[in-house]
PDB file of N, CA and C in Angstrom:
ATOM      1  N   MET A   1     167.050  97.034 139.095  1.00  0.00           N
ATOM      2  CA  MET A   1     166.400  97.032 137.804  1.00  0.00           C
ATOM      3  C   MET A   1     166.976  95.873 136.980  1.00  0.00           C
ATOM      4  N   THR A   2     166.099  95.115 136.357  1.00  0.00           N
ATOM      5  CA  THR A   2     166.547  93.992 135.547  1.00  0.00           C
ATOM      6  C   THR A   2     167.063  94.485 134.203  1.00  0.00           C
ATOM      7  N   ARG A   3     167.781  93.619 133.538  1.00  0.00           N
ATOM      8  CA  ARG A   3     168.325  93.976 132.218  1.00  0.00           C
ATOM      9  C   ARG A   3     167.195  94.237 131.225  1.00  0.00           C
ATOM     10  N   ALA A   4     166.153  93.431 131.267  1.00  0.00           N
ATOM     11  CA  ALA A   4     165.022  93.604 130.354  1.00  0.00           C
ATOM     12  C   ALA A   4     164.331  94.946 130.593  1.00  0.00           C
ATOM     13  N   THR A   5     164.172  95.318 131.852  1.00  0.00           N
ATOM     14  CA  THR A   5     163.543  96.594 132.186  1.00  0.00           C
ATOM     15  C   THR A   5     164.403  97.751 131.691  1.00  0.00           C
ATOM     16  N   SER A   6     165.699  97.625 131.868  1.00  0.00           N
ATOM     17  CA  SER A   6     166.629  98.657 131.421  1.00  0.00           C
ATOM     18  C   SER A   6     166.579  98.816 129.900  1.00  0.00           C
ATOM     19  N   GLN A   7     166.533  97.694 129.177  1.00  0.00           N
ATOM     20  CA  GLN A   7     166.451  97.749 127.716  1.00  0.00           C
ATOM     21  C   GLN A   7     165.147  98.395 127.267  1.00  0.00           C
ATOM     22  N   LEU A   8     164.061  98.034 127.925  1.00  0.00           N
ATOM     23  CA  LEU A   8     162.762  98.602 127.590  1.00  0.00           C
ATOM     24  C   LEU A   8     162.759 100.117 127.795  1.00  0.00           C
ATOM     25  N   GLN A   9     163.328 100.561 128.893  1.00  0.00           N
ATOM     26  CA  GLN A   9     163.415 102.000 129.152  1.00  0.00           C
ATOM     27  C   GLN A   9     164.292 102.691 128.110  1.00  0.00           C
ATOM     28  N   GLY A  10     165.352 102.014 127.696  1.00  0.00           N
ATOM     29  CA  GLY A  10     166.230 102.571 126.661  1.00  0.00           C
ATOM     30  C   GLY A  10     165.506 102.730 125.332  1.00  0.00           C
ATOM     31  N   TYR A  11     164.729 101.722 124.945  1.00  0.00           N
ATOM     32  CA  TYR A  11     163.956 101.809 123.708  1.00  0.00           C
ATOM     33  C   TYR A  11     162.940 102.944 123.782  1.00  0.00           C
ATOM     34  N   ARG A  12     162.277 103.045 124.914  1.00  0.00           N
ATOM     35  CA  ARG A  12     161.261 104.099 125.074  1.00  0.00           C
ATOM     36  C   ARG A  12     161.915 105.494 125.056  1.00  0.00           C
ATOM     37  N   ALA A  13     163.065 105.629 125.684  1.00  0.00           N
ATOM     38  CA  ALA A  13     163.771 106.916 125.665  1.00  0.00           C
ATOM     39  C   ALA A  13     164.193 107.255 124.236  1.00  0.00           C
ATOM     40  N   GLY A  14     164.672 106.277 123.499  1.00  0.00           N
ATOM     41  CA  GLY A  14     165.051 106.496 122.107  1.00  0.00           C
ATOM     42  C   GLY A  14     163.862 106.914 121.262  1.00  0.00           C
ATOM     43  N   GLU A  15     162.749 106.277 121.509  1.00  0.00           N
ATOM     44  CA  GLU A  15     161.547 106.622 120.763  1.00  0.00           C
ATOM     45  C   GLU A  15     161.096 108.049 121.078  1.00  0.00           C
ATOM     46  N   LEU A  16     161.245 108.460 122.318  1.00  0.00           N
ATOM     47  CA  LEU A  16     160.906 109.840 122.688  1.00  0.00           C
ATOM     48  C   LEU A  16     161.841 110.838 122.004  1.00  0.00           C
ATOM     49  N   ASP A  17     163.112 110.482 121.868  1.00  0.00           N
ATOM     50  CA  ASP A  17     164.046 111.351 121.154  1.00  0.00           C
ATOM     51  C   ASP A  17     163.697 111.431 119.671  1.00  0.00           C
ATOM     52  N   LEU A  18     163.323 110.303 119.078  1.00  0.00           N
ATOM     53  CA  LEU A  18     162.875 110.311 117.684  1.00  0.00           C
ATOM     54  C   LEU A  18     161.663 111.215 117.539  1.00  0.00           C
ATOM     55  N   LEU A  19     160.723 111.093 118.452  1.00  0.00           N
ATOM     56  CA  LEU A  19     159.525 111.927 118.418  1.00  0.00           C
ATOM     57  C   LEU A  19     159.876 113.405 118.568  1.00  0.00           C
ATOM     58  N   ALA A  20     160.858 113.718 119.398  1.00  0.00           N
ATOM     59  CA  ALA A  20     161.291 115.110 119.576  1.00  0.00           C
ATOM     60  C   ALA A  20     161.838 115.681 118.267  1.00  0.00           C
ATOM     61  N   VAL A  21     162.613 114.896 117.549  1.00  0.00           N
ATOM     62  CA  VAL A  21     163.161 115.346 116.265  1.00  0.00           C
ATOM     63  C   VAL A  21     162.034 115.549 115.252  1.00  0.00           C
ATOM     64  N   LEU A  22     161.082 114.612 115.222  1.00  0.00           N
ATOM     65  CA  LEU A  22     159.957 114.725 114.294  1.00  0.00           C
ATOM     66  C   LEU A  22     159.078 115.924 114.628  1.00  0.00           C
ATOM     67  N   GLU A  23     158.816 116.141 115.908  1.00  0.00           N
ATOM     68  CA  GLU A  23     157.996 117.285 116.319  1.00  0.00           C
ATOM     69  C   GLU A  23     158.687 118.614 115.999  1.00  0.00           C
ATOM     70  N   THR A  24     160.009 118.633 116.097  1.00  0.00           N
ATOM     71  CA  THR A  24     160.756 119.838 115.733  1.00  0.00           C
ATOM     72  C   THR A  24     160.613 120.117 114.248  1.00  0.00           C
ATOM     73  N   ALA A  25     160.644 119.058 113.440  1.00  0.00           N
ATOM     74  CA  ALA A  25     160.456 119.230 111.996  1.00  0.00           C
ATOM     75  C   ALA A  25     159.059 119.777 111.694  1.00  0.00           C
ATOM     76  N   VAL A  26     158.056 119.292 112.404  1.00  0.00           N
ATOM     77  CA  VAL A  26     156.686 119.778 112.209  1.00  0.00           C
ATOM     78  C   VAL A  26     156.587 121.247 112.616  1.00  0.00           C
ATOM     79  N   ALA A  27     157.163 121.586 113.756  1.00  0.00           N
ATOM     80  CA  ALA A  27     157.053 122.951 114.281  1.00  0.00           C
ATOM     81  C   ALA A  27     157.814 123.973 113.434  1.00  0.00           C
ATOM     82  N   LEU A  28     158.990 123.607 112.964  1.00  0.00           N
ATOM     83  CA  LEU A  28     159.834 124.568 112.254  1.00  0.00           C
ATOM     84  C   LEU A  28     159.683 124.539 110.734  1.00  0.00           C
ATOM     85  N   ARG A  29     159.285 123.382 110.194  1.00  0.00           N
ATOM     86  CA  ARG A  29     159.258 123.215 108.736  1.00  0.00           C
ATOM     87  C   ARG A  29     160.520 123.803 108.111  1.00  0.00           C
ATOM     88  N   PRO A  30     161.695 123.303 108.522  1.00  0.00           N
ATOM     89  CA  PRO A  30     162.942 123.935 108.079  1.00  0.00           C
ATOM     90  C   PRO A  30     163.200 123.771 106.583  1.00  0.00           C
ATOM     91  N   ARG A  31     163.827 124.800 106.037  1.00  0.00           N
ATOM     92  CA  ARG A  31     164.282 124.717 104.649  1.00  0.00           C
ATOM     93  C   ARG A  31     165.437 123.732 104.593  1.00  0.00           C
ATOM     94  N   LEU A  32     165.506 123.022 103.484  1.00  0.00           N
ATOM     95  CA  LEU A  32     166.595 122.075 103.292  1.00  0.00           C
ATOM     96  C   LEU A  32     167.725 122.743 102.524  1.00  0.00           C
ATOM     97  N   LEU A  33     168.927 122.478 102.951  1.00  0.00           N
ATOM     98  CA  LEU A  33     170.107 123.005 102.283  1.00  0.00           C
ATOM     99  C   LEU A  33     170.402 122.168 101.040  1.00  0.00           C
ATOM    100  N   LYS A  34     171.384 122.574 100.257  1.00  0.00           N
ATOM    101  CA  LYS A  34     171.702 121.877  99.007  1.00  0.00           C
ATOM    102  C   LYS A  34     171.984 120.396  99.205  1.00  0.00           C
ATOM    103  N   GLY A  35     172.603 120.032 100.323  1.00  0.00           N
ATOM    104  CA  GLY A  35     172.922 118.629 100.589  1.00  0.00           C
ATOM    105  C   GLY A  35     171.736 117.812 101.078  1.00  0.00           C
ATOM    106  N   GLY A  36     170.594 118.456 101.276  1.00  0.00           N
ATOM    107  CA  GLY A  36     169.405 117.744 101.714  1.00  0.00           C
ATOM    108  C   GLY A  36     169.174 117.763 103.210  1.00  0.00           C
ATOM    109  N   SER A  37     170.074 118.373 103.944  1.00  0.00           N
ATOM    110  CA  SER A  37     169.923 118.469 105.397  1.00  0.00           C
ATOM    111  C   SER A  37     169.236 119.773 105.771  1.00  0.00           C
ATOM    112  N   PRO A  38     168.547 119.788 106.897  1.00  0.00           N
ATOM    113  CA  PRO A  38     167.943 121.044 107.353  1.00  0.00           C
ATOM    114  C   PRO A  38     169.011 121.995 107.882  1.00  0.00           C
ATOM    115  N   ASN A  39     168.604 123.229 108.113  1.00  0.00           N
ATOM    116  CA  ASN A  39     169.543 124.245 108.580  1.00  0.00           C
ATOM    117  C   ASN A  39     169.954 124.020 110.040  1.00  0.00           C
ATOM    118  N   GLN A  40     170.924 124.783 110.469  1.00  0.00           N
ATOM    119  CA  GLN A  40     171.479 124.659 111.820  1.00  0.00           C
ATOM    120  C   GLN A  40     170.437 124.950 112.903  1.00  0.00           C
ATOM    121  N   ALA A  41     169.507 125.852 112.618  1.00  0.00           N
ATOM    122  CA  ALA A  41     168.461 126.172 113.600  1.00  0.00           C
ATOM    123  C   ALA A  41     167.637 124.941 113.941  1.00  0.00           C
ATOM    124  N   PHE A  42     167.382 124.087 112.949  1.00  0.00           N
ATOM    125  CA  PHE A  42     166.655 122.840 113.205  1.00  0.00           C
ATOM    126  C   PHE A  42     167.429 121.950 114.166  1.00  0.00           C
ATOM    127  N   PHE A  43     168.735 121.789 113.909  1.00  0.00           N
ATOM    128  CA  PHE A  43     169.546 120.916 114.752  1.00  0.00           C
ATOM    129  C   PHE A  43     169.613 121.432 116.190  1.00  0.00           C
ATOM    130  N   LYS A  44     169.727 122.735 116.341  1.00  0.00           N
ATOM    131  CA  LYS A  44     169.770 123.316 117.690  1.00  0.00           C
ATOM    132  C   LYS A  44     168.451 123.102 118.413  1.00  0.00           C
ATOM    133  N   ALA A  45     167.342 123.364 117.739  1.00  0.00           N
ATOM    134  CA  ALA A  45     166.020 123.206 118.370  1.00  0.00           C
ATOM    135  C   ALA A  45     165.731 121.744 118.686  1.00  0.00           C
ATOM    136  N   ALA A  46     166.052 120.849 117.771  1.00  0.00           N
ATOM    137  CA  ALA A  46     165.821 119.422 118.006  1.00  0.00           C
ATOM    138  C   ALA A  46     166.692 118.920 119.151  1.00  0.00           C
ATOM    139  N   ASN A  47     167.921 119.406 119.225  1.00  0.00           N
ATOM    140  CA  ASN A  47     168.813 119.012 120.311  1.00  0.00           C
ATOM    141  C   ASN A  47     168.236 119.408 121.663  1.00  0.00           C
ATOM    142  N   GLU A  48     167.695 120.603 121.750  1.00  0.00           N
ATOM    143  CA  GLU A  48     167.108 121.073 123.005  1.00  0.00           C
ATOM    144  C   GLU A  48     165.888 120.258 123.398  1.00  0.00           C
ATOM    145  N   ALA A  49     165.223 119.633 122.438  1.00  0.00           N
ATOM    146  CA  ALA A  49     164.023 118.845 122.712  1.00  0.00           C
ATOM    147  C   ALA A  49     164.337 117.417 123.169  1.00  0.00           C
ATOM    148  N   LEU A  50     165.595 116.993 123.049  1.00  0.00           N
ATOM    149  CA  LEU A  50     165.975 115.634 123.450  1.00  0.00           C
ATOM    150  C   LEU A  50     165.917 115.465 124.964  1.00  0.00           C
ATOM    151  N   LEU A  51     165.765 114.218 125.394  1.00  0.00           N
ATOM    152  CA  LEU A  51     165.754 113.947 126.828  1.00  0.00           C
ATOM    153  C   LEU A  51     167.064 114.351 127.484  1.00  0.00           C
ATOM    154  N   GLU A  52     168.174 114.052 126.816  1.00  0.00           N
ATOM    155  CA  GLU A  52     169.504 114.432 127.296  1.00  0.00           C
ATOM    156  C   GLU A  52     170.260 115.070 126.133  1.00  0.00           C
ATOM    157  N   PRO A  53     170.106 116.378 125.952  1.00  0.00           N
ATOM    158  CA  PRO A  53     170.716 117.058 124.801  1.00  0.00           C
ATOM    159  C   PRO A  53     172.244 116.944 124.791  1.00  0.00           C
ATOM    160  N   ASP A  54     172.796 116.969 123.585  1.00  0.00           N
ATOM    161  CA  ASP A  54     174.247 117.024 123.431  1.00  0.00           C
ATOM    162  C   ASP A  54     174.719 118.424 123.806  1.00  0.00           C
ATOM    163  N   ASP A  55     175.945 118.511 124.268  1.00  0.00           N
ATOM    164  CA  ASP A  55     176.536 119.800 124.611  1.00  0.00           C
ATOM    165  C   ASP A  55     177.380 120.265 123.426  1.00  0.00           C
ATOM    166  N   ALA A  56     176.799 121.091 122.575  1.00  0.00           N
ATOM    167  CA  ALA A  56     177.478 121.543 121.358  1.00  0.00           C
ATOM    168  C   ALA A  56     178.709 122.380 121.674  1.00  0.00           C
ATOM    169  N   GLU A  57     178.750 122.993 122.837  1.00  0.00           N
ATOM    170  CA  GLU A  57     179.896 123.828 123.185  1.00  0.00           C
ATOM    171  C   GLU A  57     181.165 123.011 123.389  1.00  0.00           C
ATOM    172  N   GLN A  58     181.025 121.719 123.610  1.00  0.00           N
ATOM    173  CA  GLN A  58     182.193 120.854 123.766  1.00  0.00           C
ATOM    174  C   GLN A  58     182.735 120.397 122.414  1.00  0.00           C
ATOM    175  N   GLY A  59     182.138 120.876 121.326  1.00  0.00           N
ATOM    176  CA  GLY A  59     182.637 120.544 119.993  1.00  0.00           C
ATOM    177  C   GLY A  59     182.140 119.227 119.462  1.00  0.00           C
ATOM    178  N   ASN A  60     181.161 118.619 120.126  1.00  0.00           N
ATOM    179  CA  ASN A  60     180.650 117.326 119.685  1.00  0.00           C
ATOM    180  C   ASN A  60     179.567 117.441 118.623  1.00  0.00           C
ATOM    181  N   GLY A  61     179.065 118.628 118.396  1.00  0.00           N
ATOM    182  CA  GLY A  61     177.977 118.803 117.438  1.00  0.00           C
ATOM    183  C   GLY A  61     176.674 118.260 117.997  1.00  0.00           C
ATOM    184  N   PHE A  62     175.808 117.840 117.109  1.00  0.00           N
ATOM    185  CA  PHE A  62     174.496 117.339 117.505  1.00  0.00           C
ATOM    186  C   PHE A  62     174.357 115.890 117.045  1.00  0.00           C
ATOM    187  N   THR A  63     175.183 115.026 117.577  1.00  0.00           N
ATOM    188  CA  THR A  63     175.246 113.643 117.093  1.00  0.00           C
ATOM    189  C   THR A  63     173.937 112.888 117.284  1.00  0.00           C
ATOM    190  N   GLN A  64     173.251 113.116 118.399  1.00  0.00           N
ATOM    191  CA  GLN A  64     171.986 112.408 118.600  1.00  0.00           C
ATOM    192  C   GLN A  64     170.941 112.846 117.576  1.00  0.00           C
ATOM    193  N   VAL A  65     170.859 114.145 117.328  1.00  0.00           N
ATOM    194  CA  VAL A  65     169.902 114.649 116.344  1.00  0.00           C
ATOM    195  C   VAL A  65     170.262 114.112 114.962  1.00  0.00           C
ATOM    196  N   GLU A  66     171.542 114.098 114.635  1.00  0.00           N
ATOM    197  CA  GLU A  66     171.976 113.575 113.341  1.00  0.00           C
ATOM    198  C   GLU A  66     171.578 112.116 113.186  1.00  0.00           C
ATOM    199  N   PHE A  67     171.743 111.330 114.257  1.00  0.00           N
ATOM    200  CA  PHE A  67     171.372 109.917 114.220  1.00  0.00           C
ATOM    201  C   PHE A  67     169.869 109.754 114.008  1.00  0.00           C
ATOM    202  N   TRP A  68     169.052 110.427 114.830  1.00  0.00           N
ATOM    203  CA  TRP A  68     167.596 110.281 114.734  1.00  0.00           C
ATOM    204  C   TRP A  68     167.068 110.856 113.427  1.00  0.00           C
ATOM    205  N   PHE A  69     167.685 111.928 112.946  1.00  0.00           N
ATOM    206  CA  PHE A  69     167.289 112.500 111.665  1.00  0.00           C
ATOM    207  C   PHE A  69     167.563 111.507 110.535  1.00  0.00           C
ATOM    208  N   ALA A  70     168.748 110.909 110.537  1.00  0.00           N
ATOM    209  CA  ALA A  70     169.107 109.932 109.501  1.00  0.00           C
ATOM    210  C   ALA A  70     168.168 108.721 109.556  1.00  0.00           C
ATOM    211  N   LEU A  71     167.855 108.264 110.752  1.00  0.00           N
ATOM    212  CA  LEU A  71     166.960 107.124 110.905  1.00  0.00           C
ATOM    213  C   LEU A  71     165.548 107.474 110.421  1.00  0.00           C
ATOM    214  N   ALA A  72     165.080 108.672 110.755  1.00  0.00           N
ATOM    215  CA  ALA A  72     163.746 109.104 110.323  1.00  0.00           C
ATOM    216  C   ALA A  72     163.671 109.220 108.805  1.00  0.00           C
ATOM    217  N   ARG A  73     164.725 109.734 108.195  1.00  0.00           N
ATOM    218  CA  ARG A  73     164.736 109.839 106.725  1.00  0.00           C
ATOM    219  C   ARG A  73     164.757 108.453 106.098  1.00  0.00           C
ATOM    220  N   ALA A  74     165.587 107.558 106.641  1.00  0.00           N
ATOM    221  CA  ALA A  74     165.689 106.203 106.099  1.00  0.00           C
ATOM    222  C   ALA A  74     164.371 105.436 106.245  1.00  0.00           C
ATOM    223  N   ALA A  75     163.642 105.713 107.314  1.00  0.00           N
ATOM    224  CA  ALA A  75     162.353 105.045 107.549  1.00  0.00           C
ATOM    225  C   ALA A  75     161.238 105.652 106.711  1.00  0.00           C
ATOM    226  N   GLY A  76     161.517 106.789 106.078  1.00  0.00           N
ATOM    227  CA  GLY A  76     160.507 107.448 105.274  1.00  0.00           C
ATOM    228  C   GLY A  76     159.564 108.318 106.081  1.00  0.00           C
ATOM    229  N   PHE A  77     159.983 108.690 107.301  1.00  0.00           N
ATOM    230  CA  PHE A  77     159.139 109.519 108.171  1.00  0.00           C
ATOM    231  C   PHE A  77     159.222 110.999 107.808  1.00  0.00           C
ATOM    232  N   LEU A  78     160.300 111.397 107.153  1.00  0.00           N
ATOM    233  CA  LEU A  78     160.512 112.788 106.759  1.00  0.00           C
ATOM    234  C   LEU A  78     160.880 112.829 105.282  1.00  0.00           C
ATOM    235  N   ASP A  79     160.392 113.854 104.611  1.00  0.00           N
ATOM    236  CA  ASP A  79     160.698 113.996 103.194  1.00  0.00           C
ATOM    237  C   ASP A  79     160.686 115.484 102.838  1.00  0.00           C
ATOM    238  N   ALA A  80     161.224 115.786 101.684  1.00  0.00           N
ATOM    239  CA  ALA A  80     161.241 117.176 101.206  1.00  0.00           C
ATOM    240  C   ALA A  80     159.927 117.484 100.508  1.00  0.00           C
ATOM    241  N   ASP A  81     159.376 118.638 100.829  1.00  0.00           N
ATOM    242  CA  ASP A  81     158.175 119.126 100.168  1.00  0.00           C
ATOM    243  C   ASP A  81     158.375 120.606  99.881  1.00  0.00           C
ATOM    244  N   ASP A  82     158.558 120.926  98.605  1.00  0.00           N
ATOM    245  CA  ASP A  82     158.797 122.307  98.184  1.00  0.00           C
ATOM    246  C   ASP A  82     159.990 122.920  98.923  1.00  0.00           C
ATOM    247  N   GLY A  83     161.053 122.115  99.062  1.00  0.00           N
ATOM    248  CA  GLY A  83     162.282 122.608  99.678  1.00  0.00           C
ATOM    249  C   GLY A  83     162.266 122.660 101.193  1.00  0.00           C
ATOM    250  N   ARG A  84     161.218 122.127 101.802  1.00  0.00           N
ATOM    251  CA  ARG A  84     161.111 122.131 103.263  1.00  0.00           C
ATOM    252  C   ARG A  84     160.964 120.697 103.767  1.00  0.00           C
ATOM    253  N   LEU A  85     161.380 120.498 104.985  1.00  0.00           N
ATOM    254  CA  LEU A  85     161.289 119.185 105.612  1.00  0.00           C
ATOM    255  C   LEU A  85     159.888 118.992 106.168  1.00  0.00           C
ATOM    256  N   GLU A  86     159.248 117.890 105.795  1.00  0.00           N
ATOM    257  CA  GLU A  86     157.878 117.613 106.215  1.00  0.00           C
ATOM    258  C   GLU A  86     157.756 116.149 106.658  1.00  0.00           C
ATOM    259  N   PRO A  87     156.907 115.873 107.641  1.00  0.00           N
ATOM    260  CA  PRO A  87     156.628 114.477 107.998  1.00  0.00           C
ATOM    261  C   PRO A  87     155.758 113.831 106.921  1.00  0.00           C
ATOM    262  N   THR A  88     155.822 112.531 106.826  1.00  0.00           N
ATOM    263  CA  THR A  88     155.051 111.784 105.832  1.00  0.00           C
ATOM    264  C   THR A  88     153.959 110.973 106.521  1.00  0.00           C
ATOM    265  N   ILE A  89     153.115 110.365 105.725  1.00  0.00           N
ATOM    266  CA  ILE A  89     152.055 109.507 106.257  1.00  0.00           C
ATOM    267  C   ILE A  89     152.658 108.281 106.956  1.00  0.00           C
ATOM    268  N   GLU A  90     153.848 107.860 106.514  1.00  0.00           N
ATOM    269  CA  GLU A  90     154.512 106.720 107.154  1.00  0.00           C
ATOM    270  C   GLU A  90     154.784 107.000 108.633  1.00  0.00           C
ATOM    271  N   CYS A  91     155.025 108.253 108.942  1.00  0.00           N
ATOM    272  CA  CYS A  91     155.268 108.651 110.328  1.00  0.00           C
ATOM    273  C   CYS A  91     154.025 108.378 111.179  1.00  0.00           C
ATOM    274  N   ASP A  92     152.867 108.807 110.692  1.00  0.00           N
ATOM    275  CA  ASP A  92     151.615 108.560 111.415  1.00  0.00           C
ATOM    276  C   ASP A  92     151.339 107.068 111.540  1.00  0.00           C
ATOM    277  N   GLN A  93     151.559 106.344 110.462  1.00  0.00           N
ATOM    278  CA  GLN A  93     151.317 104.898 110.477  1.00  0.00           C
ATOM    279  C   GLN A  93     152.243 104.197 111.463  1.00  0.00           C
ATOM    280  N   PHE A  94     153.478 104.652 111.541  1.00  0.00           N
ATOM    281  CA  PHE A  94     154.448 104.063 112.461  1.00  0.00           C
ATOM    282  C   PHE A  94     153.975 104.192 113.908  1.00  0.00           C
ATOM    283  N   PHE A  95     153.548 105.389 114.303  1.00  0.00           N
ATOM    284  CA  PHE A  95     153.152 105.599 115.689  1.00  0.00           C
ATOM    285  C   PHE A  95     151.807 104.968 116.030  1.00  0.00           C
ATOM    286  N   ALA A  96     151.093 104.481 115.025  1.00  0.00           N
ATOM    287  CA  ALA A  96     149.855 103.737 115.274  1.00  0.00           C
ATOM    288  C   ALA A  96     150.133 102.268 115.580  1.00  0.00           C
ATOM    289  N   LEU A  97     151.364 101.823 115.340  1.00  0.00           N
ATOM    290  CA  LEU A  97     151.747 100.429 115.610  1.00  0.00           C
ATOM    291  C   LEU A  97     151.932 100.201 117.108  1.00  0.00           C
ATOM    292  N   SER A  98     151.956  98.944 117.499  1.00  0.00           N
ATOM    293  CA  SER A  98     152.251  98.611 118.898  1.00  0.00           C
ATOM    294  C   SER A  98     153.721  98.916 119.189  1.00  0.00           C
ATOM    295  N   PHE A  99     154.056  98.998 120.459  1.00  0.00           N
ATOM    296  CA  PHE A  99     155.440  99.294 120.836  1.00  0.00           C
ATOM    297  C   PHE A  99     156.394  98.272 120.230  1.00  0.00           C
ATOM    298  N   GLU A 100     156.048  96.998 120.317  1.00  0.00           N
ATOM    299  CA  GLU A 100     156.928  95.947 119.803  1.00  0.00           C
ATOM    300  C   GLU A 100     157.117  96.081 118.296  1.00  0.00           C
ATOM    301  N   GLN A 101     156.052  96.419 117.569  1.00  0.00           N
ATOM    302  CA  GLN A 101     156.157  96.605 116.124  1.00  0.00           C
ATOM    303  C   GLN A 101     157.014  97.824 115.787  1.00  0.00           C
ATOM    304  N   ARG A 102     156.862  98.895 116.553  1.00  0.00           N
ATOM    305  CA  ARG A 102     157.687 100.090 116.322  1.00  0.00           C
ATOM    306  C   ARG A 102     159.154  99.786 116.579  1.00  0.00           C
ATOM    307  N   ARG A 103     159.434  99.093 117.679  1.00  0.00           N
ATOM    308  CA  ARG A 103     160.812  98.738 118.017  1.00  0.00           C
ATOM    309  C   ARG A 103     161.422  97.899 116.909  1.00  0.00           C
ATOM    310  N   ASP A 104     160.690  96.893 116.439  1.00  0.00           N
ATOM    311  CA  ASP A 104     161.202  96.019 115.385  1.00  0.00           C
ATOM    312  C   ASP A 104     161.402  96.781 114.077  1.00  0.00           C
ATOM    313  N   ARG A 105     160.489  97.690 113.770  1.00  0.00           N
ATOM    314  CA  ARG A 105     160.599  98.480 112.537  1.00  0.00           C
ATOM    315  C   ARG A 105     161.839  99.375 112.566  1.00  0.00           C
ATOM    316  N   LEU A 106     162.061 100.045 113.694  1.00  0.00           N
ATOM    317  CA  LEU A 106     163.252 100.896 113.803  1.00  0.00           C
ATOM    318  C   LEU A 106     164.530 100.076 113.712  1.00  0.00           C
ATOM    319  N   ARG A 107     164.532  98.912 114.329  1.00  0.00           N
ATOM    320  CA  ARG A 107     165.707  98.042 114.255  1.00  0.00           C
ATOM    321  C   ARG A 107     165.978  97.639 112.807  1.00  0.00           C
ATOM    322  N   GLU A 108     164.924  97.277 112.058  1.00  0.00           N
ATOM    323  CA  GLU A 108     165.086  96.894 110.659  1.00  0.00           C
ATOM    324  C   GLU A 108     165.649  98.050 109.833  1.00  0.00           C
ATOM    325  N   VAL A 109     165.101  99.227 110.034  1.00  0.00           N
ATOM    326  CA  VAL A 109     165.568 100.401 109.282  1.00  0.00           C
ATOM    327  C   VAL A 109     167.023 100.673 109.605  1.00  0.00           C
ATOM    328  N   TRP A 110     167.373 100.623 110.876  1.00  0.00           N
ATOM    329  CA  TRP A 110     168.740 100.880 111.301  1.00  0.00           C
ATOM    330  C   TRP A 110     169.705  99.888 110.660  1.00  0.00           C
ATOM    331  N   LEU A 111     169.345  98.611 110.659  1.00  0.00           N
ATOM    332  CA  LEU A 111     170.232  97.595 110.101  1.00  0.00           C
ATOM    333  C   LEU A 111     170.321  97.668 108.579  1.00  0.00           C
ATOM    334  N   ASP A 112     169.231  98.074 107.926  1.00  0.00           N
ATOM    335  CA  ASP A 112     169.184  98.119 106.462  1.00  0.00           C
ATOM    336  C   ASP A 112     169.734  99.402 105.858  1.00  0.00           C
ATOM    337  N   CYS A 113     169.884 100.425 106.654  1.00  0.00           N
ATOM    338  CA  CYS A 113     170.277 101.731 106.127  1.00  0.00           C
ATOM    339  C   CYS A 113     171.783 101.797 105.880  1.00  0.00           C
ATOM    340  N   ALA A 114     172.145 101.797 104.614  1.00  0.00           N
ATOM    341  CA  ALA A 114     173.563 101.857 104.256  1.00  0.00           C
ATOM    342  C   ALA A 114     174.172 103.200 104.624  1.00  0.00           C
ATOM    343  N   GLY A 115     173.374 104.253 104.629  1.00  0.00           N
ATOM    344  CA  GLY A 115     173.869 105.585 104.921  1.00  0.00           C
ATOM    345  C   GLY A 115     173.954 105.909 106.401  1.00  0.00           C
ATOM    346  N   LEU A 116     173.529 104.981 107.236  1.00  0.00           N
ATOM    347  CA  LEU A 116     173.533 105.229 108.682  1.00  0.00           C
ATOM    348  C   LEU A 116     174.627 104.383 109.321  1.00  0.00           C
ATOM    349  N   ASN A 117     175.734 105.033 109.593  1.00  0.00           N
ATOM    350  CA  ASN A 117     176.869 104.372 110.213  1.00  0.00           C
ATOM    351  C   ASN A 117     177.081 104.999 111.586  1.00  0.00           C
ATOM    352  N   GLU A 118     176.585 104.325 112.606  1.00  0.00           N
ATOM    353  CA  GLU A 118     176.671 104.895 113.951  1.00  0.00           C
ATOM    354  C   GLU A 118     178.111 105.078 114.427  1.00  0.00           C
ATOM    355  N   LEU A 119     179.049 104.401 113.814  1.00  0.00           N
ATOM    356  CA  LEU A 119     180.451 104.585 114.195  1.00  0.00           C
ATOM    357  C   LEU A 119     180.938 105.983 113.807  1.00  0.00           C
ATOM    358  N   ALA A 120     180.274 106.591 112.834  1.00  0.00           N
ATOM    359  CA  ALA A 120     180.640 107.958 112.444  1.00  0.00           C
ATOM    360  C   ALA A 120     180.249 108.964 113.512  1.00  0.00           C
ATOM    361  N   PHE A 121     179.354 108.551 114.421  1.00  0.00           N
ATOM    362  CA  PHE A 121     178.881 109.451 115.473  1.00  0.00           C
ATOM    363  C   PHE A 121     179.685 109.324 116.761  1.00  0.00           C
ATOM    364  N   VAL A 122     180.669 108.436 116.772  1.00  0.00           N
ATOM    365  CA  VAL A 122     181.461 108.212 117.976  1.00  0.00           C
ATOM    366  C   VAL A 122     182.565 109.241 118.076  1.00  0.00           C
TER     367      VAL A 122
END
């Protein structure tokens, strides 16, 4: 497998994980806690929907879900509506873009998001 093919597969896998987190938000419509995060049930369900779920029993928490959730919020894909987490129109517009446009958009959001520090997930 070439490096380019491997990178492409990585981007596609990441996008599928983002979609899993978004679909979990649609299915559960979780209530938001005081800090603005959804409840633990959301994190558990979203984790199970990932391609390679984190093992919470090892004490690592749900780092992948936390990352994709933070990225989705920063991109404007999820917002609070009457105390519940809901997808926005930006989410639909994003998935209507070409793969290259989606990849570039996520990269921009990731780089611009001051609140998203991937080193905190290590």
